[in-house]
Amino acid sequence: MFGTALAPTTLEGWLNAHPHLPGILLAALCLLILFLVVLPRIASRRRGKGRPVLDPVQVEELVTGSGALVVDLRSAEDFRTGHIRGCLHVPFAEFPQRFTAPDPKARRALVLVDETDELAHQAFDLLTQRGFTWLYVMRGGMKAWRRTNRPLAR
């Protein structure tokens, strides 16, 4: 009537009519996977911008070298699944009551750790407001620690 073409009824006809579509779909799928893998790391880098952050290897060296104290902010259940050897477990809910003021005799750096580093940055802000110095956040949290195959204590 108006010269409209009928849509292809078979898969082969559809692919012949739109040969570029499978490539576009594959590219879109690859971009989606890349986005889902990289997004948590981007968020971690944005939170840590302008702050003293350490990667897991640096934390391990700092703990074994100068004896920094790692403060694990995760829940008790997460802590029992594995933690950094020698760390102090202080769940984030208890954190404000446990760290009220810096000890003037303390000479050790504090490294704040949680599962992803989101809570560690919140704790960092609280401690700096209360006058603490020598603070670090482990970038990526315990997920990054496990991803780099660092040792876990149970």
Protein backbone atom coordinates (compact mmCIF):
# COMPACT_ATOMS: atom_id res chain seq x y z
CA MET A 1 0.00 0.00 0.00
CA PHE A 2 2.52 2.67 1.09
CA GLY A 3 5.58 0.65 0.08
CA THR A 4 6.52 -0.46 3.61
CA ALA A 5 8.79 -3.46 3.80
CA LEU A 6 7.84 -6.35 6.00
CA ALA A 7 10.09 -7.07 8.95
CA PRO A 8 12.29 -10.15 8.53
CA THR A 9 10.60 -13.16 10.05
CA THR A 10 13.63 -15.40 10.50
CA LEU A 11 16.83 -14.88 12.46
CA GLU A 12 18.87 -15.10 9.28
CA GLY A 13 16.69 -12.48 7.63
CA TRP A 14 16.96 -10.26 10.67
CA LEU A 15 20.77 -10.55 10.75
CA ASN A 16 20.94 -9.80 7.02
CA ALA A 17 18.82 -6.69 7.53
CA HIS A 18 20.90 -5.52 10.55
CA PRO A 19 24.45 -6.94 10.21
CA HIS A 20 25.99 -4.46 12.67
CA LEU A 21 23.68 -5.23 15.61
CA PRO A 22 25.49 -8.30 17.06
CA GLY A 23 28.72 -6.31 17.30
CA ILE A 24 26.96 -3.42 18.99
CA LEU A 25 25.31 -5.77 21.50
CA LEU A 26 28.64 -7.43 22.29
CA ALA A 27 30.33 -4.05 22.77
CA ALA A 28 27.50 -2.90 25.06
CA LEU A 29 27.80 -6.08 27.14
CA CYS A 30 31.58 -5.62 27.45
CA LEU A 31 31.12 -2.01 28.55
CA LEU A 32 28.55 -3.05 31.14
CA ILE A 33 30.87 -5.68 32.61
CA LEU A 34 33.78 -3.20 32.65
CA PHE A 35 31.59 -0.63 34.39
CA LEU A 36 30.50 -3.10 37.08
CA VAL A 37 34.09 -4.18 37.74
CA VAL A 38 35.63 -0.70 37.78
CA LEU A 39 32.87 1.25 39.55
CA PRO A 40 33.78 0.17 43.13
CA ARG A 41 37.41 1.11 42.55
CA ILE A 42 36.43 4.51 41.15
CA ALA A 43 34.30 5.18 44.22
CA SER A 44 37.19 4.20 46.49
CA ARG A 45 39.59 6.54 44.68
CA ARG A 46 37.11 9.42 44.87
CA ARG A 47 36.65 8.92 48.64
CA GLY A 48 40.41 8.84 49.17
CA LYS A 49 41.25 11.91 47.10
CA GLY A 50 43.35 14.28 49.19
CA ARG A 51 43.64 11.83 52.09
CA PRO A 52 46.44 9.57 53.21
CA VAL A 53 45.43 6.22 51.74
CA LEU A 54 47.54 3.09 51.50
CA ASP A 55 47.18 0.00 49.37
CA PRO A 56 47.30 -3.44 51.05
CA VAL A 57 51.00 -4.00 50.34
CA GLN A 58 51.88 -0.64 51.92
CA VAL A 59 49.74 -1.46 54.96
CA GLU A 60 51.49 -4.80 55.40
CA GLU A 61 54.90 -3.09 55.19
CA LEU A 62 53.86 -0.36 57.63
CA VAL A 63 52.52 -2.88 60.15
CA THR A 64 55.63 -5.07 60.03
CA GLY A 65 58.05 -2.15 59.85
CA SER A 66 57.03 0.67 62.16
CA GLY A 67 54.33 -1.25 63.99
CA ALA A 68 51.28 0.75 62.95
CA LEU A 69 48.00 -0.29 64.53
CA VAL A 70 45.31 -1.52 62.16
CA VAL A 71 41.78 -0.78 63.38
CA ASP A 72 39.19 -3.10 61.84
CA LEU A 73 35.76 -1.45 61.74
CA ARG A 74 33.75 -4.41 60.45
CA SER A 75 31.03 -6.28 62.30
CA ALA A 76 31.91 -9.25 64.51
CA GLU A 77 30.62 -11.73 61.90
CA ASP A 78 32.77 -10.23 59.14
CA PHE A 79 35.77 -10.02 61.48
CA ARG A 80 35.53 -13.75 62.23
CA THR A 81 35.74 -14.60 58.51
CA GLY A 82 39.33 -13.31 58.49
CA HIS A 83 41.24 -10.20 59.53
CA ILE A 84 44.69 -8.65 59.44
CA ARG A 85 46.94 -10.24 62.06
CA GLY A 86 47.40 -8.06 65.14
CA CYS A 87 44.60 -5.64 64.33
CA LEU A 88 42.29 -4.05 66.88
CA HIS A 89 38.65 -4.93 66.28
CA VAL A 90 36.35 -1.97 66.96
CA PRO A 91 32.97 -2.25 65.19
CA PHE A 92 31.98 1.01 63.55
CA ALA A 93 28.93 1.38 65.81
CA GLU A 94 31.24 1.46 68.87
CA PHE A 95 33.94 3.54 67.25
CA PRO A 96 32.87 7.05 68.40
CA GLN A 97 32.77 5.94 72.05
CA ARG A 98 36.12 4.11 71.96
CA PHE A 99 38.19 6.87 70.31
CA THR A 100 37.22 10.07 72.10
CA ALA A 101 40.59 11.85 72.26
CA PRO A 102 44.13 11.08 71.12
CA ASP A 103 46.60 9.67 73.62
CA PRO A 104 49.50 12.16 73.80
CA LYS A 105 51.94 9.28 74.46
CA ALA A 106 50.83 7.25 71.43
CA ARG A 107 53.47 7.16 68.70
CA ARG A 108 51.89 4.60 66.37
CA ALA A 109 50.02 5.37 63.20
CA LEU A 110 46.43 4.14 62.89
CA VAL A 111 45.31 2.39 59.73
CA LEU A 112 41.52 2.28 59.39
CA VAL A 113 40.05 -0.74 57.60
CA ASP A 114 36.55 -1.95 56.80
CA GLU A 115 35.15 -4.13 54.02
CA THR A 116 35.24 -1.54 51.21
CA ASP A 117 36.82 1.58 52.83
CA GLU A 118 33.59 3.60 52.97
CA LEU A 119 33.24 3.42 56.77
CA ALA A 120 36.99 3.92 57.20
CA HIS A 121 36.73 7.33 55.51
CA GLN A 122 33.86 8.29 57.83
CA ALA A 123 35.96 7.21 60.83
CA PHE A 124 38.91 9.18 59.42
CA ASP A 125 36.79 12.35 59.36
CA LEU A 126 35.65 11.78 62.94
CA LEU A 127 39.17 11.17 64.23
CA THR A 128 40.66 14.21 62.49
CA GLN A 129 37.90 16.37 64.01
CA ARG A 130 38.88 14.99 67.42
CA GLY A 131 42.56 15.88 66.92
CA PHE A 132 44.06 12.53 65.91
CA THR A 133 47.08 12.55 63.62
CA TRP A 134 49.03 9.82 61.85
CA LEU A 135 45.90 8.35 60.30
CA TYR A 136 45.64 6.26 57.15
CA VAL A 137 42.83 4.51 55.30
CA MET A 138 43.46 1.26 53.46
CA ARG A 139 42.20 1.77 49.91
CA GLY A 140 39.62 -0.83 48.94
CA GLY A 141 39.35 -2.26 52.45
CA MET A 142 39.43 -5.98 53.14
CA LYS A 143 38.18 -6.71 49.61
CA ALA A 144 41.45 -5.28 48.30
CA TRP A 145 43.42 -7.18 50.98
CA ARG A 146 41.91 -10.49 49.86
CA ARG A 147 42.24 -9.59 46.17
CA THR A 148 46.02 -9.13 46.61
CA ASN A 149 46.28 -12.46 48.49
CA ARG A 150 47.60 -10.96 51.72
CA PRO A 151 47.53 -13.27 54.77
CA LEU A 152 44.43 -13.51 56.95
CA ALA A 153 44.20 -14.44 60.62
CA ARG A 154 41.12 -16.20 61.97
